[in-house]
Each structure stands twice: as structure tokens, then as C-alpha cells.
Amino acid sequence: MGTVGAYEAKTHLPKLLDRVSKGERITITKHGVPVAVLQPPAQIKQAMATEVIAQIRKFRKKHKLAGLSLKEMIEEGRR
């Protein structure tokens, strides 16, 4: 993973995109503080899926169906 400043990223964007297309992940900084990440789309999809699964599991721990079945809830929604 590489790190580049915002000015350099603006100046050399085509080169950075070539690096990213080869699988590299690049962090863009502004005054030394990370502000953005360039990464291939496949990595983004995987990260998003992993995050969604974690959120669903967290939700399920806090919310219970109180004895209702999924079928009962579907039928109730049809009324």
C-alpha cells in the first residue's frame, strides 16, 4: 500500500490509477492526514459485504422475534 499527498495525486492521477488497476491500494493524504483511499473495485465489494454481514449479526443479537416465525410475520403483513 502506498501513500501520496493530495497535490501529487492530482498531478499524477493516471499513473496512480494504473497502479490501482494492478491491485495496489493507495492512501491519499492532505497535510499528512489520510483523506481518501484508491483501491480496486473487487476489494470494495468484499469489504462492503463483510461490513453488512457484521451489521446484520449485531442487529440480530439486539432484536429477538419473541416466538414469532417468519411465516407468521409474512402472513400478518398480508392482512
PDB file of N, CA and C in Angstrom:
ATOM      1  N   MET A   1       0.847  -1.172   0.000  1.00  0.00           N
ATOM      2  CA  MET A   1       0.000   0.000   0.000  1.00  0.00           C
ATOM      3  C   MET A   1       0.890   1.232   0.000  1.00  0.00           C
ATOM      4  N   GLY A   2       0.561   2.181  -0.879  1.00  0.00           N
ATOM      5  CA  GLY A   2       1.321   3.404  -0.963  1.00  0.00           C
ATOM      6  C   GLY A   2       0.554   4.581  -0.403  1.00  0.00           C
ATOM      7  N   THR A   3       1.278   5.638  -0.126  1.00  0.00           N
ATOM      8  CA  THR A   3       0.682   6.872   0.365  1.00  0.00           C
ATOM      9  C   THR A   3       1.196   8.020  -0.472  1.00  0.00           C
ATOM     10  N   VAL A   4       0.287   8.899  -0.912  1.00  0.00           N
ATOM     11  CA  VAL A   4       0.682  10.073  -1.683  1.00  0.00           C
ATOM     12  C   VAL A   4      -0.090  11.282  -1.178  1.00  0.00           C
ATOM     13  N   GLY A   5       0.503  12.441  -1.340  1.00  0.00           N
ATOM     14  CA  GLY A   5      -0.160  13.678  -0.973  1.00  0.00           C
ATOM     15  C   GLY A   5      -1.218  14.051  -1.998  1.00  0.00           C
ATOM     16  N   ALA A   6      -2.150  14.914  -1.605  1.00  0.00           N
ATOM     17  CA  ALA A   6      -3.248  15.309  -2.481  1.00  0.00           C
ATOM     18  C   ALA A   6      -2.740  15.980  -3.752  1.00  0.00           C
ATOM     19  N   TYR A   7      -1.742  16.848  -3.632  1.00  0.00           N
ATOM     20  CA  TYR A   7      -1.225  17.544  -4.812  1.00  0.00           C
ATOM     21  C   TYR A   7      -0.613  16.543  -5.792  1.00  0.00           C
ATOM     22  N   GLU A   8       0.176  15.613  -5.260  1.00  0.00           N
ATOM     23  CA  GLU A   8       0.791  14.587  -6.115  1.00  0.00           C
ATOM     24  C   GLU A   8      -0.289  13.712  -6.757  1.00  0.00           C
ATOM     25  N   ALA A   9      -1.335  13.390  -5.999  1.00  0.00           N
ATOM     26  CA  ALA A   9      -2.417  12.565  -6.543  1.00  0.00           C
ATOM     27  C   ALA A   9      -3.094  13.283  -7.703  1.00  0.00           C
ATOM     28  N   LYS A  10      -3.312  14.578  -7.534  1.00  0.00           N
ATOM     29  CA  LYS A  10      -3.950  15.355  -8.593  1.00  0.00           C
ATOM     30  C   LYS A  10      -3.057  15.408  -9.829  1.00  0.00           C
ATOM     31  N   THR A  11      -1.786  15.601  -9.601  1.00  0.00           N
ATOM     32  CA  THR A  11      -0.835  15.736 -10.700  1.00  0.00           C
ATOM     33  C   THR A  11      -0.596  14.429 -11.444  1.00  0.00           C
ATOM     34  N   HIS A  12      -0.603  13.312 -10.711  1.00  0.00           N
ATOM     35  CA  HIS A  12      -0.232  12.018 -11.296  1.00  0.00           C
ATOM     36  C   HIS A  12      -1.379  11.008 -11.258  1.00  0.00           C
ATOM     37  N   LEU A  13      -2.612  11.466 -11.338  1.00  0.00           N
ATOM     38  CA  LEU A  13      -3.758  10.561 -11.229  1.00  0.00           C
ATOM     39  C   LEU A  13      -3.714   9.407 -12.228  1.00  0.00           C
ATOM     40  N   PRO A  14      -3.414   9.618 -13.504  1.00  0.00           N
ATOM     41  CA  PRO A  14      -3.374   8.468 -14.426  1.00  0.00           C
ATOM     42  C   PRO A  14      -2.389   7.373 -13.990  1.00  0.00           C
ATOM     43  N   LYS A  15      -1.220   7.774 -13.487  1.00  0.00           N
ATOM     44  CA  LYS A  15      -0.243   6.787 -13.019  1.00  0.00           C
ATOM     45  C   LYS A  15      -0.766   6.043 -11.794  1.00  0.00           C
ATOM     46  N   LEU A  16      -1.420   6.778 -10.908  1.00  0.00           N
ATOM     47  CA  LEU A  16      -1.964   6.144  -9.712  1.00  0.00           C
ATOM     48  C   LEU A  16      -3.069   5.150 -10.082  1.00  0.00           C
ATOM     49  N   LEU A  17      -3.895   5.516 -11.042  1.00  0.00           N
ATOM     50  CA  LEU A  17      -4.956   4.604 -11.478  1.00  0.00           C
ATOM     51  C   LEU A  17      -4.384   3.344 -12.110  1.00  0.00           C
ATOM     52  N   ASP A  18      -3.284   3.465 -12.820  1.00  0.00           N
ATOM     53  CA  ASP A  18      -2.615   2.275 -13.376  1.00  0.00           C
ATOM     54  C   ASP A  18      -2.152   1.361 -12.252  1.00  0.00           C
ATOM     55  N   ARG A  19      -1.579   1.937 -11.212  1.00  0.00           N
ATOM     56  CA  ARG A  19      -1.112   1.138 -10.068  1.00  0.00           C
ATOM     57  C   ARG A  19      -2.287   0.450  -9.382  1.00  0.00           C
ATOM     58  N   VAL A  20      -3.376   1.174  -9.222  1.00  0.00           N
ATOM     59  CA  VAL A  20      -4.560   0.613  -8.576  1.00  0.00           C
ATOM     60  C   VAL A  20      -5.144  -0.518  -9.423  1.00  0.00           C
ATOM     61  N   SER A  21      -5.157  -0.339 -10.732  1.00  0.00           N
ATOM     62  CA  SER A  21      -5.702  -1.387 -11.605  1.00  0.00           C
ATOM     63  C   SER A  21      -4.891  -2.676 -11.517  1.00  0.00           C
ATOM     64  N   LYS A  22      -3.663  -2.580 -11.050  1.00  0.00           N
ATOM     65  CA  LYS A  22      -2.811  -3.772 -10.873  1.00  0.00           C
ATOM     66  C   LYS A  22      -2.961  -4.365  -9.473  1.00  0.00           C
ATOM     67  N   GLY A  23      -3.897  -3.800  -8.674  1.00  0.00           N
ATOM     68  CA  GLY A  23      -4.170  -4.377  -7.364  1.00  0.00           C
ATOM     69  C   GLY A  23      -3.645  -3.601  -6.180  1.00  0.00           C
ATOM     70  N   GLU A  24      -2.946  -2.515  -6.412  1.00  0.00           N
ATOM     71  CA  GLU A  24      -2.373  -1.748  -5.306  1.00  0.00           C
ATOM     72  C   GLU A  24      -3.444  -0.872  -4.649  1.00  0.00           C
ATOM     73  N   ARG A  25      -3.299  -0.655  -3.389  1.00  0.00           N
ATOM     74  CA  ARG A  25      -4.178   0.224  -2.623  1.00  0.00           C
ATOM     75  C   ARG A  25      -3.365   1.458  -2.245  1.00  0.00           C
ATOM     76  N   ILE A  26      -3.891   2.661  -2.539  1.00  0.00           N
ATOM     77  CA  ILE A  26      -3.146   3.897  -2.321  1.00  0.00           C
ATOM     78  C   ILE A  26      -3.957   4.833  -1.431  1.00  0.00           C
ATOM     79  N   THR A  27      -3.328   5.322  -0.371  1.00  0.00           N
ATOM     80  CA  THR A  27      -3.958   6.287   0.528  1.00  0.00           C
ATOM     81  C   THR A  27      -3.537   7.686   0.116  1.00  0.00           C
ATOM     82  N   ILE A  28      -4.501   8.579   0.007  1.00  0.00           N
ATOM     83  CA  ILE A  28      -4.225   9.977  -0.335  1.00  0.00           C
ATOM     84  C   ILE A  28      -4.317  10.794   0.951  1.00  0.00           C
ATOM     85  N   THR A  29      -3.303  11.606   1.188  1.00  0.00           N
ATOM     86  CA  THR A  29      -3.264  12.414   2.400  1.00  0.00           C
ATOM     87  C   THR A  29      -3.325  13.899   2.078  1.00  0.00           C
ATOM     88  N   LYS A  30      -3.777  14.654   3.047  1.00  0.00           N
ATOM     89  CA  LYS A  30      -3.783  16.110   2.942  1.00  0.00           C
ATOM     90  C   LYS A  30      -3.130  16.622   4.218  1.00  0.00           C
ATOM     91  N   HIS A  31      -1.983  17.245   4.056  1.00  0.00           N
ATOM     92  CA  HIS A  31      -1.185  17.703   5.201  1.00  0.00           C
ATOM     93  C   HIS A  31      -0.860  16.545   6.144  1.00  0.00           C
ATOM     94  N   GLY A  32      -0.594  15.380   5.559  1.00  0.00           N
ATOM     95  CA  GLY A  32      -0.196  14.211   6.335  1.00  0.00           C
ATOM     96  C   GLY A  32      -1.339  13.405   6.928  1.00  0.00           C
ATOM     97  N   VAL A  33      -2.571  13.861   6.749  1.00  0.00           N
ATOM     98  CA  VAL A  33      -3.733  13.169   7.307  1.00  0.00           C
ATOM     99  C   VAL A  33      -4.451  12.406   6.184  1.00  0.00           C
ATOM    100  N   PRO A  34      -4.692  11.103   6.340  1.00  0.00           N
ATOM    101  CA  PRO A  34      -5.395  10.340   5.307  1.00  0.00           C
ATOM    102  C   PRO A  34      -6.803  10.901   5.068  1.00  0.00           C
ATOM    103  N   VAL A  35      -7.137  11.115   3.790  1.00  0.00           N
ATOM    104  CA  VAL A  35      -8.460  11.644   3.444  1.00  0.00           C
ATOM    105  C   VAL A  35      -9.205  10.764   2.453  1.00  0.00           C
ATOM    106  N   ALA A  36      -8.503   9.875   1.748  1.00  0.00           N
ATOM    107  CA  ALA A  36      -9.153   9.015   0.765  1.00  0.00           C
ATOM    108  C   ALA A  36      -8.285   7.795   0.493  1.00  0.00           C
ATOM    109  N   VAL A  37      -8.935   6.771  -0.047  1.00  0.00           N
ATOM    110  CA  VAL A  37      -8.224   5.547  -0.425  1.00  0.00           C
ATOM    111  C   VAL A  37      -8.639   5.170  -1.837  1.00  0.00           C
ATOM    112  N   LEU A  38      -7.643   4.918  -2.682  1.00  0.00           N
ATOM    113  CA  LEU A  38      -7.885   4.383  -4.025  1.00  0.00           C
ATOM    114  C   LEU A  38      -7.603   2.887  -3.955  1.00  0.00           C
ATOM    115  N   GLN A  39      -8.595   2.083  -4.355  1.00  0.00           N
ATOM    116  CA  GLN A  39      -8.379   0.638  -4.358  1.00  0.00           C
ATOM    117  C   GLN A  39      -9.232   0.011  -5.451  1.00  0.00           C
ATOM    118  N   PRO A  40      -8.854  -1.174  -5.905  1.00  0.00           N
ATOM    119  CA  PRO A  40      -9.628  -1.846  -6.949  1.00  0.00           C
ATOM    120  C   PRO A  40     -11.055  -2.123  -6.479  1.00  0.00           C
ATOM    121  N   PRO A  41     -12.017  -2.102  -7.391  1.00  0.00           N
ATOM    122  CA  PRO A  41     -13.423  -2.301  -7.020  1.00  0.00           C
ATOM    123  C   PRO A  41     -13.709  -3.630  -6.328  1.00  0.00           C
ATOM    124  N   ALA A  42     -13.040  -4.692  -6.696  1.00  0.00           N
ATOM    125  CA  ALA A  42     -13.302  -6.001  -6.075  1.00  0.00           C
ATOM    126  C   ALA A  42     -13.061  -5.946  -4.575  1.00  0.00           C
ATOM    127  N   GLN A  43     -12.046  -5.225  -4.143  1.00  0.00           N
ATOM    128  CA  GLN A  43     -11.764  -5.105  -2.718  1.00  0.00           C
ATOM    129  C   GLN A  43     -12.871  -4.330  -2.015  1.00  0.00           C
ATOM    130  N   ILE A  44     -13.427  -3.359  -2.669  1.00  0.00           N
ATOM    131  CA  ILE A  44     -14.504  -2.567  -2.083  1.00  0.00           C
ATOM    132  C   ILE A  44     -15.732  -3.445  -1.864  1.00  0.00           C
ATOM    133  N   LYS A  45     -16.110  -4.235  -2.868  1.00  0.00           N
ATOM    134  CA  LYS A  45     -17.275  -5.103  -2.754  1.00  0.00           C
ATOM    135  C   LYS A  45     -17.103  -6.081  -1.608  1.00  0.00           C
ATOM    136  N   GLN A  46     -15.941  -6.670  -1.479  1.00  0.00           N
ATOM    137  CA  GLN A  46     -15.691  -7.630  -0.407  1.00  0.00           C
ATOM    138  C   GLN A  46     -15.784  -6.943   0.941  1.00  0.00           C
ATOM    139  N   ALA A  47     -15.204  -5.757   1.056  1.00  0.00           N
ATOM    140  CA  ALA A  47     -15.255  -5.032   2.313  1.00  0.00           C
ATOM    141  C   ALA A  47     -16.696  -4.677   2.659  1.00  0.00           C
ATOM    142  N   MET A  48     -17.473  -4.262   1.672  1.00  0.00           N
ATOM    143  CA  MET A  48     -18.859  -3.900   1.918  1.00  0.00           C
ATOM    144  C   MET A  48     -19.664  -5.117   2.368  1.00  0.00           C
ATOM    145  N   ALA A  49     -19.473  -6.249   1.735  1.00  0.00           N
ATOM    146  CA  ALA A  49     -20.203  -7.460   2.104  1.00  0.00           C
ATOM    147  C   ALA A  49     -19.855  -7.883   3.522  1.00  0.00           C
ATOM    148  N   THR A  50     -18.598  -7.836   3.872  1.00  0.00           N
ATOM    149  CA  THR A  50     -18.156  -8.205   5.211  1.00  0.00           C
ATOM    150  C   THR A  50     -18.763  -7.265   6.247  1.00  0.00           C
ATOM    151  N   GLU A  51     -18.801  -5.983   5.938  1.00  0.00           N
ATOM    152  CA  GLU A  51     -19.368  -4.996   6.852  1.00  0.00           C
ATOM    153  C   GLU A  51     -20.871  -5.223   7.039  1.00  0.00           C
ATOM    154  N   VAL A  52     -21.578  -5.500   5.958  1.00  0.00           N
ATOM    155  CA  VAL A  52     -23.023  -5.731   6.033  1.00  0.00           C
ATOM    156  C   VAL A  52     -23.319  -6.965   6.879  1.00  0.00           C
ATOM    157  N   ILE A  53     -22.569  -8.026   6.684  1.00  0.00           N
ATOM    158  CA  ILE A  53     -22.766  -9.252   7.466  1.00  0.00           C
ATOM    159  C   ILE A  53     -22.549  -8.969   8.950  1.00  0.00           C
ATOM    160  N   ALA A  54     -21.519  -8.219   9.273  1.00  0.00           N
ATOM    161  CA  ALA A  54     -21.246  -7.869  10.668  1.00  0.00           C
ATOM    162  C   ALA A  54     -22.391  -7.048  11.259  1.00  0.00           C
ATOM    163  N   GLN A  55     -22.937  -6.123  10.488  1.00  0.00           N
ATOM    164  CA  GLN A  55     -24.048  -5.299  10.966  1.00  0.00           C
ATOM    165  C   GLN A  55     -25.302  -6.145  11.190  1.00  0.00           C
ATOM    166  N   ILE A  56     -25.565  -7.093  10.297  1.00  0.00           N
ATOM    167  CA  ILE A  56     -26.725  -7.978  10.462  1.00  0.00           C
ATOM    168  C   ILE A  56     -26.583  -8.813  11.724  1.00  0.00           C
ATOM    169  N   ARG A  57     -25.408  -9.358  11.964  1.00  0.00           N
ATOM    170  CA  ARG A  57     -25.191 -10.158  13.169  1.00  0.00           C
ATOM    171  C   ARG A  57     -25.375  -9.319  14.430  1.00  0.00           C
ATOM    172  N   LYS A  58     -24.878  -8.099  14.415  1.00  0.00           N
ATOM    173  CA  LYS A  58     -25.033  -7.195  15.560  1.00  0.00           C
ATOM    174  C   LYS A  58     -26.514  -6.891  15.792  1.00  0.00           C
ATOM    175  N   PHE A  59     -27.257  -6.639  14.728  1.00  0.00           N
ATOM    176  CA  PHE A  59     -28.694  -6.360  14.821  1.00  0.00           C
ATOM    177  C   PHE A  59     -29.433  -7.556  15.414  1.00  0.00           C
ATOM    178  N   ARG A  60     -29.102  -8.756  14.944  1.00  0.00           N
ATOM    179  CA  ARG A  60     -29.783  -9.964  15.410  1.00  0.00           C
ATOM    180  C   ARG A  60     -29.561 -10.215  16.894  1.00  0.00           C
ATOM    181  N   LYS A  61     -28.411  -9.827  17.427  1.00  0.00           N
ATOM    182  CA  LYS A  61     -28.141 -10.012  18.853  1.00  0.00           C
ATOM    183  C   LYS A  61     -29.032  -9.110  19.702  1.00  0.00           C
ATOM    184  N   LYS A  62     -29.374  -7.940  19.185  1.00  0.00           N
ATOM    185  CA  LYS A  62     -30.161  -6.972  19.951  1.00  0.00           C
ATOM    186  C   LYS A  62     -31.667  -7.144  19.770  1.00  0.00           C
ATOM    187  N   HIS A  63     -32.099  -7.760  18.674  1.00  0.00           N
ATOM    188  CA  HIS A  63     -33.520  -7.852  18.356  1.00  0.00           C
ATOM    189  C   HIS A  63     -33.946  -9.320  18.250  1.00  0.00           C
ATOM    190  N   LYS A  64     -34.951  -9.658  19.031  1.00  0.00           N
ATOM    191  CA  LYS A  64     -35.472 -11.032  19.034  1.00  0.00           C
ATOM    192  C   LYS A  64     -36.873 -11.043  18.446  1.00  0.00           C
ATOM    193  N   LEU A  65     -37.304 -12.180  17.910  1.00  0.00           N
ATOM    194  CA  LEU A  65     -38.616 -12.308  17.295  1.00  0.00           C
ATOM    195  C   LEU A  65     -39.709 -12.636  18.313  1.00  0.00           C
ATOM    196  N   ALA A  66     -39.345 -12.864  19.544  1.00  0.00           N
ATOM    197  CA  ALA A  66     -40.307 -13.129  20.621  1.00  0.00           C
ATOM    198  C   ALA A  66     -41.252 -14.274  20.269  1.00  0.00           C
ATOM    199  N   GLY A  67     -40.723 -15.349  19.724  1.00  0.00           N
ATOM    200  CA  GLY A  67     -41.513 -16.531  19.443  1.00  0.00           C
ATOM    201  C   GLY A  67     -42.231 -16.528  18.105  1.00  0.00           C
ATOM    202  N   LEU A  68     -42.199 -15.440  17.369  1.00  0.00           N
ATOM    203  CA  LEU A  68     -42.843 -15.397  16.054  1.00  0.00           C
ATOM    204  C   LEU A  68     -41.984 -16.122  15.025  1.00  0.00           C
ATOM    205  N   SER A  69     -42.647 -16.770  14.094  1.00  0.00           N
ATOM    206  CA  SER A  69     -41.914 -17.386  12.996  1.00  0.00           C
ATOM    207  C   SER A  69     -41.941 -16.438  11.805  1.00  0.00           C
ATOM    208  N   LEU A  70     -41.055 -16.646  10.891  1.00  0.00           N
ATOM    209  CA  LEU A  70     -41.014 -15.827   9.679  1.00  0.00           C
ATOM    210  C   LEU A  70     -42.321 -15.968   8.904  1.00  0.00           C
ATOM    211  N   LYS A  71     -42.861 -17.178   8.846  1.00  0.00           N
ATOM    212  CA  LYS A  71     -44.114 -17.415   8.132  1.00  0.00           C
ATOM    213  C   LYS A  71     -45.243 -16.605   8.763  1.00  0.00           C
ATOM    214  N   GLU A  72     -45.319 -16.577  10.095  1.00  0.00           N
ATOM    215  CA  GLU A  72     -46.355 -15.805  10.783  1.00  0.00           C
ATOM    216  C   GLU A  72     -46.238 -14.310  10.481  1.00  0.00           C
ATOM    217  N   MET A  73     -45.028 -13.823  10.431  1.00  0.00           N
ATOM    218  CA  MET A  73     -44.831 -12.398  10.148  1.00  0.00           C
ATOM    219  C   MET A  73     -45.235 -12.076   8.713  1.00  0.00           C
ATOM    220  N   ILE A  74     -44.948 -12.973   7.785  1.00  0.00           N
ATOM    221  CA  ILE A  74     -45.354 -12.761   6.385  1.00  0.00           C
ATOM    222  C   ILE A  74     -46.868 -12.734   6.278  1.00  0.00           C
ATOM    223  N   GLU A  75     -47.516 -13.693   6.925  1.00  0.00           N
ATOM    224  CA  GLU A  75     -48.978 -13.749   6.891  1.00  0.00           C
ATOM    225  C   GLU A  75     -49.583 -12.492   7.518  1.00  0.00           C
ATOM    226  N   GLU A  76     -49.018 -12.030   8.615  1.00  0.00           N
ATOM    227  CA  GLU A  76     -49.506 -10.805   9.263  1.00  0.00           C
ATOM    228  C   GLU A  76     -49.383  -9.608   8.334  1.00  0.00           C
ATOM    229  N   GLY A  77     -48.316  -9.540   7.571  1.00  0.00           N
ATOM    230  CA  GLY A  77     -48.111  -8.445   6.644  1.00  0.00           C
ATOM    231  C   GLY A  77     -49.073  -8.454   5.473  1.00  0.00           C
ATOM    232  N   ARG A  78     -49.661  -9.597   5.185  1.00  0.00           N
ATOM    233  CA  ARG A  78     -50.601  -9.726   4.055  1.00  0.00           C
ATOM    234  C   ARG A  78     -52.012  -9.278   4.426  1.00  0.00           C
ATOM    235  N   ARG A  79     -52.262  -9.087   5.689  1.00  0.00           N
ATOM    236  CA  ARG A  79     -53.628  -8.687   6.118  1.00  0.00           C
ATOM    237  C   ARG A  79     -53.875  -7.229   5.904  1.00  0.00           C
TER     238      ARG A  79
END
